[in-house]
Amino acid sequence: MKVKDADILIVPGYTNSGPEHWQTRWQSKLSTARRVEQAEWTKPVREDWTASVANAVNEAERPVVLVAHSLGVAAAVQAIPQFKKTVAGAFFVAPPDVSNPEIRPKHLMTFGPYSRDPLPFPSVVIASRNDPFCAFDVAEDIAAAWGSLFIDAGEAGHLNQDAGFGPWPEGSMTFAKFLTELKQP
């Protein structure tokens, strides 16, 4: 699949992705990419966030490719039952452990637990060995349950701007490869 053949939905996490974050950079470079906006970025409500993701998917004109980071992963996965349009694939980066009672802010737990069912579309999960929001083995287990290709990002923190992932060329190359391997639904 090529970029022009898909509606690429950028699904940021808690507090949105800033101007130097890789998601924002990708959005500006991918001609068919658009951001799933949330009414409240700092006080996420599961029902509102999942409805925003589902609405964006259901309004798409082409097959959808989700590009979600952090809490955006949780919102996208929780929204799947509401999808009425085809999702060609999902590129999930740094999913948080929304079942961990130690997660902060506490209201992120309202996005859990994750479904353990295989996802109905091809997916990649990229996780870091030292992500403060999810233990590596938890991310690996989630990816296995979903049937996702799991990629070890090494010691990469939360794979966000604060961890040094503004441009993130390795991620861009991995996404490009993933996209080319997707089939037109």
N, C-alpha and C. Protein backbone atom coordinates (compact mmCIF):
# COMPACT_ATOMS: atom_id res chain seq x y z
N MET A 1 0.85 -1.17 0.00
CA MET A 1 0.00 0.00 0.00
C MET A 1 0.90 1.23 0.00
N LYS A 2 0.44 2.26 -0.69
CA LYS A 2 1.16 3.53 -0.72
C LYS A 2 0.41 4.56 0.11
N VAL A 3 1.12 5.61 0.50
CA VAL A 3 0.51 6.66 1.32
C VAL A 3 -0.77 7.17 0.65
N LYS A 4 -0.74 7.39 -0.66
CA LYS A 4 -1.90 7.95 -1.36
C LYS A 4 -3.13 7.02 -1.33
N ASP A 5 -2.91 5.75 -1.01
CA ASP A 5 -4.00 4.78 -0.99
C ASP A 5 -4.66 4.63 0.38
N ALA A 6 -4.17 5.36 1.37
CA ALA A 6 -4.65 5.18 2.75
C ALA A 6 -4.98 6.51 3.40
N ASP A 7 -5.89 6.48 4.34
CA ASP A 7 -6.08 7.60 5.26
C ASP A 7 -5.26 7.24 6.49
N ILE A 8 -4.19 7.98 6.71
CA ILE A 8 -3.30 7.73 7.83
C ILE A 8 -3.75 8.59 8.99
N LEU A 9 -4.21 7.92 10.05
CA LEU A 9 -4.73 8.63 11.21
C LEU A 9 -3.68 8.63 12.31
N ILE A 10 -3.21 9.82 12.65
CA ILE A 10 -2.25 10.02 13.72
C ILE A 10 -3.05 10.12 15.02
N VAL A 11 -2.77 9.22 15.96
CA VAL A 11 -3.52 9.17 17.22
C VAL A 11 -2.54 9.42 18.37
N PRO A 12 -2.38 10.69 18.78
CA PRO A 12 -1.47 11.00 19.87
C PRO A 12 -1.99 10.50 21.22
N GLY A 13 -1.11 10.53 22.19
CA GLY A 13 -1.47 10.13 23.54
C GLY A 13 -1.74 11.32 24.44
N TYR A 14 -1.67 11.05 25.72
CA TYR A 14 -1.91 12.03 26.77
C TYR A 14 -1.12 13.31 26.52
N THR A 15 -1.75 14.43 26.56
CA THR A 15 -1.25 15.80 26.34
C THR A 15 -0.92 16.12 24.88
N ASN A 16 -1.25 15.21 23.94
CA ASN A 16 -1.04 15.44 22.51
C ASN A 16 0.45 15.31 22.19
N SER A 17 0.78 15.39 20.94
CA SER A 17 2.17 15.34 20.49
C SER A 17 2.59 16.73 20.06
N GLY A 18 3.65 17.24 20.67
CA GLY A 18 4.10 18.60 20.40
C GLY A 18 4.69 18.76 19.00
N PRO A 19 5.10 19.99 18.67
CA PRO A 19 5.57 20.30 17.31
C PRO A 19 6.83 19.54 16.89
N GLU A 20 7.64 19.10 17.85
CA GLU A 20 8.87 18.37 17.50
C GLU A 20 8.72 16.85 17.62
N HIS A 21 7.58 16.38 18.09
CA HIS A 21 7.33 14.94 18.26
C HIS A 21 7.29 14.27 16.89
N TRP A 22 7.75 13.05 16.81
CA TRP A 22 7.77 12.33 15.53
C TRP A 22 6.40 12.25 14.88
N GLN A 23 5.32 12.12 15.68
CA GLN A 23 3.98 12.03 15.07
C GLN A 23 3.64 13.32 14.31
N THR A 24 3.96 14.45 14.90
CA THR A 24 3.67 15.74 14.27
C THR A 24 4.52 15.90 13.01
N ARG A 25 5.76 15.50 13.09
CA ARG A 25 6.65 15.57 11.92
C ARG A 25 6.13 14.68 10.79
N TRP A 26 5.72 13.45 11.13
CA TRP A 26 5.20 12.54 10.11
C TRP A 26 3.92 13.10 9.49
N GLN A 27 3.07 13.65 10.33
CA GLN A 27 1.80 14.21 9.84
C GLN A 27 2.07 15.28 8.77
N SER A 28 3.09 16.11 9.00
CA SER A 28 3.38 17.18 8.05
C SER A 28 4.00 16.65 6.75
N LYS A 29 4.57 15.45 6.79
CA LYS A 29 5.24 14.90 5.61
C LYS A 29 4.37 13.91 4.82
N LEU A 30 3.39 13.31 5.46
CA LEU A 30 2.54 12.30 4.80
C LEU A 30 1.28 12.98 4.27
N SER A 31 1.11 12.99 2.97
CA SER A 31 0.05 13.77 2.33
C SER A 31 -1.37 13.38 2.76
N THR A 32 -1.58 12.15 3.16
CA THR A 32 -2.94 11.73 3.54
C THR A 32 -3.11 11.56 5.05
N ALA A 33 -2.14 12.10 5.81
CA ALA A 33 -2.21 11.96 7.27
C ALA A 33 -3.01 13.10 7.89
N ARG A 34 -3.78 12.73 8.90
CA ARG A 34 -4.47 13.74 9.70
C ARG A 34 -4.52 13.26 11.14
N ARG A 35 -4.57 14.21 12.04
CA ARG A 35 -4.56 13.93 13.47
C ARG A 35 -5.98 13.70 13.98
N VAL A 36 -6.11 12.71 14.85
CA VAL A 36 -7.36 12.52 15.57
C VAL A 36 -7.32 13.48 16.75
N GLU A 37 -8.17 14.48 16.71
CA GLU A 37 -8.20 15.50 17.76
C GLU A 37 -9.06 15.03 18.93
N GLN A 38 -8.64 15.45 20.11
CA GLN A 38 -9.40 15.16 21.33
C GLN A 38 -9.84 16.48 21.95
N ALA A 39 -11.04 16.48 22.53
CA ALA A 39 -11.54 17.70 23.16
C ALA A 39 -10.70 18.08 24.37
N GLU A 40 -10.21 17.10 25.08
CA GLU A 40 -9.45 17.36 26.31
C GLU A 40 -8.21 16.47 26.33
N TRP A 41 -7.07 17.06 26.01
CA TRP A 41 -5.82 16.30 25.95
C TRP A 41 -5.24 15.98 27.33
N THR A 42 -5.53 16.79 28.34
CA THR A 42 -4.90 16.58 29.65
C THR A 42 -5.80 15.89 30.66
N LYS A 43 -7.06 15.71 30.33
CA LYS A 43 -7.98 14.95 31.19
C LYS A 43 -8.74 13.96 30.32
N PRO A 44 -8.03 12.92 29.83
CA PRO A 44 -8.66 12.00 28.89
C PRO A 44 -9.79 11.19 29.51
N VAL A 45 -10.87 11.12 28.76
CA VAL A 45 -12.03 10.30 29.14
C VAL A 45 -12.15 9.21 28.08
N ARG A 46 -12.10 7.97 28.52
CA ARG A 46 -12.07 6.84 27.58
C ARG A 46 -13.17 6.92 26.54
N GLU A 47 -14.40 7.15 26.95
CA GLU A 47 -15.52 7.16 26.00
C GLU A 47 -15.36 8.26 24.96
N ASP A 48 -14.88 9.43 25.38
CA ASP A 48 -14.69 10.54 24.45
C ASP A 48 -13.55 10.25 23.47
N TRP A 49 -12.46 9.75 24.01
CA TRP A 49 -11.29 9.47 23.16
C TRP A 49 -11.60 8.35 22.16
N THR A 50 -12.24 7.29 22.61
CA THR A 50 -12.54 6.20 21.69
C THR A 50 -13.55 6.64 20.63
N ALA A 51 -14.49 7.48 21.02
CA ALA A 51 -15.47 8.00 20.04
C ALA A 51 -14.77 8.85 18.99
N SER A 52 -13.79 9.64 19.40
CA SER A 52 -13.04 10.46 18.44
C SER A 52 -12.28 9.59 17.45
N VAL A 53 -11.64 8.53 17.94
CA VAL A 53 -10.92 7.62 17.05
C VAL A 53 -11.91 6.92 16.11
N ALA A 54 -13.00 6.40 16.66
CA ALA A 54 -13.99 5.70 15.83
C ALA A 54 -14.58 6.63 14.78
N ASN A 55 -14.89 7.85 15.15
CA ASN A 55 -15.44 8.81 14.18
C ASN A 55 -14.46 9.07 13.05
N ALA A 56 -13.19 9.24 13.39
CA ALA A 56 -12.17 9.48 12.37
C ALA A 56 -12.06 8.29 11.42
N VAL A 57 -12.08 7.09 11.97
CA VAL A 57 -12.02 5.88 11.13
C VAL A 57 -13.27 5.81 10.25
N ASN A 58 -14.42 6.02 10.83
CA ASN A 58 -15.68 5.87 10.09
C ASN A 58 -15.91 6.96 9.05
N GLU A 59 -15.22 8.10 9.20
CA GLU A 59 -15.32 9.18 8.21
C GLU A 59 -14.29 9.05 7.09
N ALA A 60 -13.39 8.10 7.21
CA ALA A 60 -12.31 7.93 6.23
C ALA A 60 -12.87 7.57 4.86
N GLU A 61 -12.19 8.04 3.85
CA GLU A 61 -12.59 7.74 2.48
C GLU A 61 -11.77 6.60 1.87
N ARG A 62 -10.63 6.33 2.44
CA ARG A 62 -9.76 5.25 1.98
C ARG A 62 -9.54 4.30 3.15
N PRO A 63 -8.93 3.14 2.90
CA PRO A 63 -8.58 2.26 4.01
C PRO A 63 -7.70 3.02 5.01
N VAL A 64 -7.90 2.74 6.27
CA VAL A 64 -7.23 3.47 7.35
C VAL A 64 -5.98 2.74 7.81
N VAL A 65 -4.94 3.53 8.07
CA VAL A 65 -3.75 3.06 8.77
C VAL A 65 -3.62 3.93 10.01
N LEU A 66 -3.68 3.29 11.17
CA LEU A 66 -3.56 4.00 12.45
C LEU A 66 -2.09 4.11 12.83
N VAL A 67 -1.70 5.29 13.30
CA VAL A 67 -0.35 5.52 13.81
C VAL A 67 -0.54 6.12 15.20
N ALA A 68 -0.50 5.25 16.20
CA ALA A 68 -0.83 5.67 17.56
C ALA A 68 0.39 5.60 18.48
N HIS A 69 0.45 6.56 19.40
CA HIS A 69 1.50 6.60 20.40
C HIS A 69 0.88 6.63 21.79
N SER A 70 1.44 5.85 22.70
CA SER A 70 1.08 5.89 24.11
C SER A 70 -0.42 5.70 24.33
N LEU A 71 -1.06 6.64 25.02
CA LEU A 71 -2.48 6.47 25.32
C LEU A 71 -3.32 6.44 24.04
N GLY A 72 -2.78 6.96 22.95
CA GLY A 72 -3.46 6.84 21.66
C GLY A 72 -3.62 5.39 21.24
N VAL A 73 -2.66 4.53 21.62
CA VAL A 73 -2.77 3.09 21.35
C VAL A 73 -3.98 2.54 22.09
N ALA A 74 -4.09 2.86 23.38
CA ALA A 74 -5.21 2.37 24.18
C ALA A 74 -6.54 2.86 23.62
N ALA A 75 -6.61 4.13 23.24
CA ALA A 75 -7.85 4.67 22.69
C ALA A 75 -8.21 3.96 21.39
N ALA A 76 -7.22 3.72 20.53
CA ALA A 76 -7.49 3.05 19.26
C ALA A 76 -7.98 1.62 19.46
N VAL A 77 -7.31 0.88 20.33
CA VAL A 77 -7.69 -0.51 20.58
C VAL A 77 -9.09 -0.58 21.20
N GLN A 78 -9.38 0.32 22.13
CA GLN A 78 -10.70 0.31 22.77
C GLN A 78 -11.80 0.73 21.78
N ALA A 79 -11.43 1.45 20.72
CA ALA A 79 -12.42 1.93 19.74
C ALA A 79 -12.77 0.88 18.68
N ILE A 80 -12.01 -0.17 18.56
CA ILE A 80 -12.21 -1.16 17.48
C ILE A 80 -13.65 -1.62 17.34
N PRO A 81 -14.37 -1.94 18.42
CA PRO A 81 -15.76 -2.39 18.23
C PRO A 81 -16.67 -1.36 17.56
N GLN A 82 -16.25 -0.09 17.55
CA GLN A 82 -17.07 0.97 16.95
C GLN A 82 -16.71 1.24 15.49
N PHE A 83 -15.68 0.56 14.96
CA PHE A 83 -15.26 0.81 13.59
C PHE A 83 -16.27 0.22 12.61
N LYS A 84 -16.70 1.05 11.65
CA LYS A 84 -17.60 0.60 10.59
C LYS A 84 -16.88 0.56 9.24
N LYS A 85 -15.69 1.12 9.20
CA LYS A 85 -14.88 1.15 7.98
C LYS A 85 -13.67 0.24 8.16
N THR A 86 -13.03 -0.05 7.05
CA THR A 86 -11.90 -0.95 7.05
C THR A 86 -10.64 -0.28 7.59
N VAL A 87 -9.99 -0.96 8.49
CA VAL A 87 -8.67 -0.56 8.96
C VAL A 87 -7.68 -1.53 8.31
N ALA A 88 -6.75 -0.97 7.54
CA ALA A 88 -5.79 -1.81 6.83
C ALA A 88 -4.66 -2.26 7.74
N GLY A 89 -4.33 -1.43 8.75
CA GLY A 89 -3.25 -1.79 9.65
C GLY A 89 -3.05 -0.75 10.73
N ALA A 90 -2.25 -1.11 11.73
CA ALA A 90 -1.99 -0.21 12.85
C ALA A 90 -0.51 -0.28 13.23
N PHE A 91 0.05 0.89 13.46
CA PHE A 91 1.44 1.05 13.87
C PHE A 91 1.39 1.65 15.27
N PHE A 92 1.60 0.80 16.28
CA PHE A 92 1.43 1.18 17.68
C PHE A 92 2.80 1.35 18.34
N VAL A 93 3.02 2.51 18.95
CA VAL A 93 4.30 2.82 19.57
C VAL A 93 4.11 3.14 21.05
N ALA A 94 4.87 2.47 21.88
CA ALA A 94 4.91 2.71 23.33
C ALA A 94 3.55 2.62 24.01
N PRO A 95 2.86 1.46 23.87
CA PRO A 95 1.58 1.34 24.57
C PRO A 95 1.79 1.39 26.08
N PRO A 96 0.98 2.17 26.79
CA PRO A 96 1.14 2.22 28.25
C PRO A 96 0.46 1.01 28.90
N ASP A 97 0.92 0.66 30.06
CA ASP A 97 0.30 -0.43 30.83
C ASP A 97 -0.89 0.15 31.60
N VAL A 98 -2.04 0.17 30.95
CA VAL A 98 -3.23 0.78 31.54
C VAL A 98 -3.88 -0.09 32.62
N SER A 99 -3.29 -1.22 32.90
CA SER A 99 -3.77 -2.07 34.00
C SER A 99 -2.89 -1.95 35.25
N ASN A 100 -1.84 -1.17 35.16
CA ASN A 100 -0.90 -1.01 36.26
C ASN A 100 -1.42 0.05 37.24
N PRO A 101 -1.73 -0.33 38.47
CA PRO A 101 -2.26 0.64 39.44
C PRO A 101 -1.27 1.75 39.80
N GLU A 102 0.00 1.58 39.42
CA GLU A 102 1.02 2.60 39.70
C GLU A 102 1.11 3.67 38.61
N ILE A 103 0.40 3.48 37.49
CA ILE A 103 0.48 4.43 36.39
C ILE A 103 0.00 5.80 36.83
N ARG A 104 0.68 6.82 36.36
CA ARG A 104 0.30 8.20 36.67
C ARG A 104 0.22 8.96 35.37
N PRO A 105 -0.73 9.85 35.21
CA PRO A 105 -1.83 10.11 36.12
C PRO A 105 -2.79 8.92 36.20
N LYS A 106 -3.42 8.80 37.34
CA LYS A 106 -4.25 7.66 37.69
C LYS A 106 -5.39 7.42 36.69
N HIS A 107 -5.95 8.49 36.13
CA HIS A 107 -7.10 8.29 35.24
C HIS A 107 -6.74 7.58 33.94
N LEU A 108 -5.45 7.36 33.67
CA LEU A 108 -5.08 6.58 32.49
C LEU A 108 -5.54 5.12 32.62
N MET A 109 -5.69 4.66 33.87
CA MET A 109 -6.17 3.29 34.09
C MET A 109 -7.59 3.08 33.56
N THR A 110 -8.35 4.14 33.40
CA THR A 110 -9.72 3.98 32.90
C THR A 110 -9.73 3.48 31.45
N PHE A 111 -8.56 3.50 30.79
CA PHE A 111 -8.46 2.99 29.42
C PHE A 111 -8.17 1.50 29.38
N GLY A 112 -8.06 0.87 30.51
CA GLY A 112 -7.75 -0.56 30.56
C GLY A 112 -8.93 -1.35 31.04
N PRO A 113 -8.78 -2.64 31.10
CA PRO A 113 -7.65 -3.39 30.56
C PRO A 113 -7.76 -3.52 29.04
N TYR A 114 -6.65 -3.87 28.42
CA TYR A 114 -6.65 -4.12 26.98
C TYR A 114 -7.39 -5.41 26.68
N SER A 115 -8.01 -5.45 25.53
CA SER A 115 -8.56 -6.70 25.02
C SER A 115 -7.40 -7.66 24.77
N ARG A 116 -7.62 -8.91 25.01
CA ARG A 116 -6.59 -9.93 24.75
C ARG A 116 -6.88 -10.64 23.42
N ASP A 117 -7.90 -10.20 22.70
CA ASP A 117 -8.24 -10.81 21.42
C ASP A 117 -7.29 -10.34 20.32
N PRO A 118 -7.01 -11.21 19.35
CA PRO A 118 -6.19 -10.77 18.22
C PRO A 118 -6.86 -9.60 17.50
N LEU A 119 -6.06 -8.66 17.04
CA LEU A 119 -6.61 -7.51 16.32
C LEU A 119 -7.10 -7.96 14.95
N PRO A 120 -8.13 -7.30 14.43
CA PRO A 120 -8.71 -7.72 13.14
C PRO A 120 -7.97 -7.14 11.93
N PHE A 121 -6.75 -6.68 12.12
CA PHE A 121 -5.95 -6.12 11.05
C PHE A 121 -4.47 -6.29 11.41
N PRO A 122 -3.58 -6.24 10.41
CA PRO A 122 -2.15 -6.35 10.71
C PRO A 122 -1.68 -5.19 11.59
N SER A 123 -0.72 -5.49 12.45
CA SER A 123 -0.25 -4.44 13.36
C SER A 123 1.19 -4.68 13.77
N VAL A 124 1.81 -3.57 14.17
CA VAL A 124 3.16 -3.57 14.72
C VAL A 124 3.07 -2.90 16.09
N VAL A 125 3.77 -3.44 17.06
CA VAL A 125 3.92 -2.79 18.36
C VAL A 125 5.41 -2.57 18.59
N ILE A 126 5.78 -1.32 18.81
CA ILE A 126 7.18 -0.98 19.11
C ILE A 126 7.24 -0.54 20.57
N ALA A 127 8.14 -1.18 21.32
CA ALA A 127 8.25 -0.87 22.75
C ALA A 127 9.71 -0.74 23.16
N SER A 128 9.91 0.03 24.20
CA SER A 128 11.23 0.29 24.75
C SER A 128 11.47 -0.55 26.00
N ARG A 129 12.70 -0.88 26.24
CA ARG A 129 13.06 -1.67 27.42
C ARG A 129 13.04 -0.85 28.71
N ASN A 130 13.01 0.48 28.60
CA ASN A 130 12.98 1.32 29.81
C ASN A 130 11.88 2.38 29.75
N ASP A 131 10.75 2.00 29.17
CA ASP A 131 9.60 2.92 29.10
C ASP A 131 9.02 3.06 30.51
N PRO A 132 8.94 4.28 31.04
CA PRO A 132 8.40 4.46 32.39
C PRO A 132 6.90 4.16 32.50
N PHE A 133 6.22 4.03 31.35
CA PHE A 133 4.77 3.80 31.37
C PHE A 133 4.38 2.36 31.08
N CYS A 134 5.37 1.50 30.79
CA CYS A 134 5.03 0.10 30.53
C CYS A 134 6.29 -0.75 30.60
N ALA A 135 6.24 -1.78 31.42
CA ALA A 135 7.35 -2.73 31.48
C ALA A 135 7.46 -3.45 30.13
N PHE A 136 8.68 -3.72 29.71
CA PHE A 136 8.93 -4.33 28.41
C PHE A 136 8.18 -5.65 28.24
N ASP A 137 8.22 -6.51 29.27
CA ASP A 137 7.56 -7.81 29.16
C ASP A 137 6.04 -7.66 29.04
N VAL A 138 5.47 -6.62 29.63
CA VAL A 138 4.03 -6.37 29.50
C VAL A 138 3.70 -5.98 28.06
N ALA A 139 4.50 -5.09 27.49
CA ALA A 139 4.29 -4.68 26.09
C ALA A 139 4.43 -5.87 25.15
N GLU A 140 5.42 -6.70 25.41
CA GLU A 140 5.63 -7.89 24.58
C GLU A 140 4.43 -8.84 24.68
N ASP A 141 3.90 -9.01 25.88
CA ASP A 141 2.74 -9.87 26.09
C ASP A 141 1.50 -9.31 25.39
N ILE A 142 1.29 -8.00 25.47
CA ILE A 142 0.16 -7.36 24.80
C ILE A 142 0.27 -7.60 23.29
N ALA A 143 1.45 -7.37 22.74
CA ALA A 143 1.65 -7.56 21.29
C ALA A 143 1.36 -9.00 20.88
N ALA A 144 1.82 -9.94 21.68
CA ALA A 144 1.57 -11.36 21.37
C ALA A 144 0.08 -11.66 21.37
N ALA A 145 -0.64 -11.15 22.36
CA ALA A 145 -2.09 -11.38 22.43
C ALA A 145 -2.80 -10.81 21.21
N TRP A 146 -2.35 -9.65 20.76
CA TRP A 146 -2.97 -9.00 19.59
C TRP A 146 -2.54 -9.61 18.26
N GLY A 147 -1.52 -10.46 18.27
CA GLY A 147 -1.00 -11.01 17.03
C GLY A 147 -0.15 -10.00 16.26
N SER A 148 0.40 -9.03 16.97
CA SER A 148 1.19 -7.97 16.36
C SER A 148 2.64 -8.38 16.19
N LEU A 149 3.28 -7.85 15.17
CA LEU A 149 4.72 -7.95 15.07
C LEU A 149 5.29 -7.08 16.18
N PHE A 150 6.18 -7.63 16.98
CA PHE A 150 6.74 -6.89 18.11
C PHE A 150 8.16 -6.46 17.78
N ILE A 151 8.45 -5.17 17.97
CA ILE A 151 9.78 -4.64 17.71
C ILE A 151 10.36 -4.05 18.99
N ASP A 152 11.54 -4.53 19.35
CA ASP A 152 12.28 -4.08 20.52
C ASP A 152 13.05 -2.82 20.14
N ALA A 153 12.69 -1.69 20.73
CA ALA A 153 13.36 -0.41 20.43
C ALA A 153 14.60 -0.19 21.29
N GLY A 154 14.92 -1.16 22.14
CA GLY A 154 16.08 -1.00 23.02
C GLY A 154 15.77 -0.05 24.16
N GLU A 155 16.78 0.62 24.66
CA GLU A 155 16.63 1.57 25.78
C GLU A 155 16.23 2.92 25.17
N ALA A 156 14.94 3.12 24.97
CA ALA A 156 14.46 4.30 24.24
C ALA A 156 13.43 5.11 25.01
N GLY A 157 13.34 4.91 26.31
CA GLY A 157 12.37 5.67 27.09
C GLY A 157 10.96 5.48 26.56
N HIS A 158 10.21 6.56 26.49
CA HIS A 158 8.81 6.48 26.04
C HIS A 158 8.66 6.76 24.54
N LEU A 159 9.78 6.74 23.83
CA LEU A 159 9.76 6.95 22.38
C LEU A 159 9.00 8.22 22.00
N ASN A 160 9.32 9.28 22.72
CA ASN A 160 8.68 10.57 22.46
C ASN A 160 9.75 11.65 22.37
N GLN A 161 9.32 12.87 22.20
CA GLN A 161 10.24 13.99 22.06
C GLN A 161 11.17 14.12 23.27
N ASP A 162 10.62 13.93 24.48
CA ASP A 162 11.44 14.04 25.70
C ASP A 162 12.55 12.99 25.75
N ALA A 163 12.32 11.85 25.10
CA ALA A 163 13.33 10.78 25.07
C ALA A 163 14.26 10.91 23.86
N GLY A 164 14.12 12.01 23.12
CA GLY A 164 15.00 12.26 21.99
C GLY A 164 14.45 11.77 20.66
N PHE A 165 13.16 11.48 20.60
CA PHE A 165 12.55 10.97 19.38
C PHE A 165 11.69 12.04 18.73
N GLY A 166 12.37 13.05 18.21
CA GLY A 166 11.71 14.05 17.38
C GLY A 166 11.62 13.51 15.98
N PRO A 167 12.72 13.56 15.20
CA PRO A 167 12.66 13.05 13.83
C PRO A 167 12.43 11.53 13.74
N TRP A 168 13.09 10.74 14.51
CA TRP A 168 12.99 9.28 14.57
C TRP A 168 13.04 8.62 13.19
N PRO A 169 14.18 8.72 12.50
CA PRO A 169 14.29 8.14 11.16
C PRO A 169 14.10 6.62 11.14
N GLU A 170 14.55 5.91 12.19
CA GLU A 170 14.37 4.45 12.22
C GLU A 170 12.89 4.09 12.24
N GLY A 171 12.12 4.86 13.00
CA GLY A 171 10.68 4.63 13.05
C GLY A 171 10.03 4.90 11.70
N SER A 172 10.47 5.95 11.05
CA SER A 172 9.93 6.31 9.74
C SER A 172 10.20 5.20 8.72
N MET A 173 11.41 4.65 8.75
CA MET A 173 11.75 3.56 7.83
C MET A 173 10.94 2.30 8.15
N THR A 174 10.75 2.03 9.44
CA THR A 174 9.96 0.86 9.84
C THR A 174 8.51 1.03 9.41
N PHE A 175 7.97 2.25 9.57
CA PHE A 175 6.60 2.51 9.14
C PHE A 175 6.47 2.36 7.63
N ALA A 176 7.44 2.89 6.88
CA ALA A 176 7.40 2.79 5.42
C ALA A 176 7.38 1.33 4.98
N LYS A 177 8.19 0.50 5.61
CA LYS A 177 8.21 -0.93 5.28
C LYS A 177 6.88 -1.58 5.63
N PHE A 178 6.35 -1.26 6.80
CA PHE A 178 5.05 -1.80 7.22
C PHE A 178 3.97 -1.41 6.21
N LEU A 179 3.95 -0.15 5.82
CA LEU A 179 2.94 0.34 4.89
C LEU A 179 3.02 -0.39 3.55
N THR A 180 4.23 -0.58 3.03
CA THR A 180 4.36 -1.23 1.72
C THR A 180 3.92 -2.69 1.76
N GLU A 181 3.95 -3.29 2.95
CA GLU A 181 3.55 -4.69 3.07
C GLU A 181 2.05 -4.88 3.27
N LEU A 182 1.34 -3.79 3.54
CA LEU A 182 -0.11 -3.90 3.74
C LEU A 182 -0.81 -4.12 2.40
N LYS A 183 -1.82 -4.95 2.43
CA LYS A 183 -2.63 -5.24 1.25
C LYS A 183 -3.80 -4.28 1.19
N GLN A 184 -4.19 -3.95 -0.02
CA GLN A 184 -5.42 -3.15 -0.20
C GLN A 184 -6.59 -4.04 0.22
N PRO A 185 -7.40 -3.56 1.17
CA PRO A 185 -8.54 -4.39 1.59
C PRO A 185 -9.59 -4.51 0.48
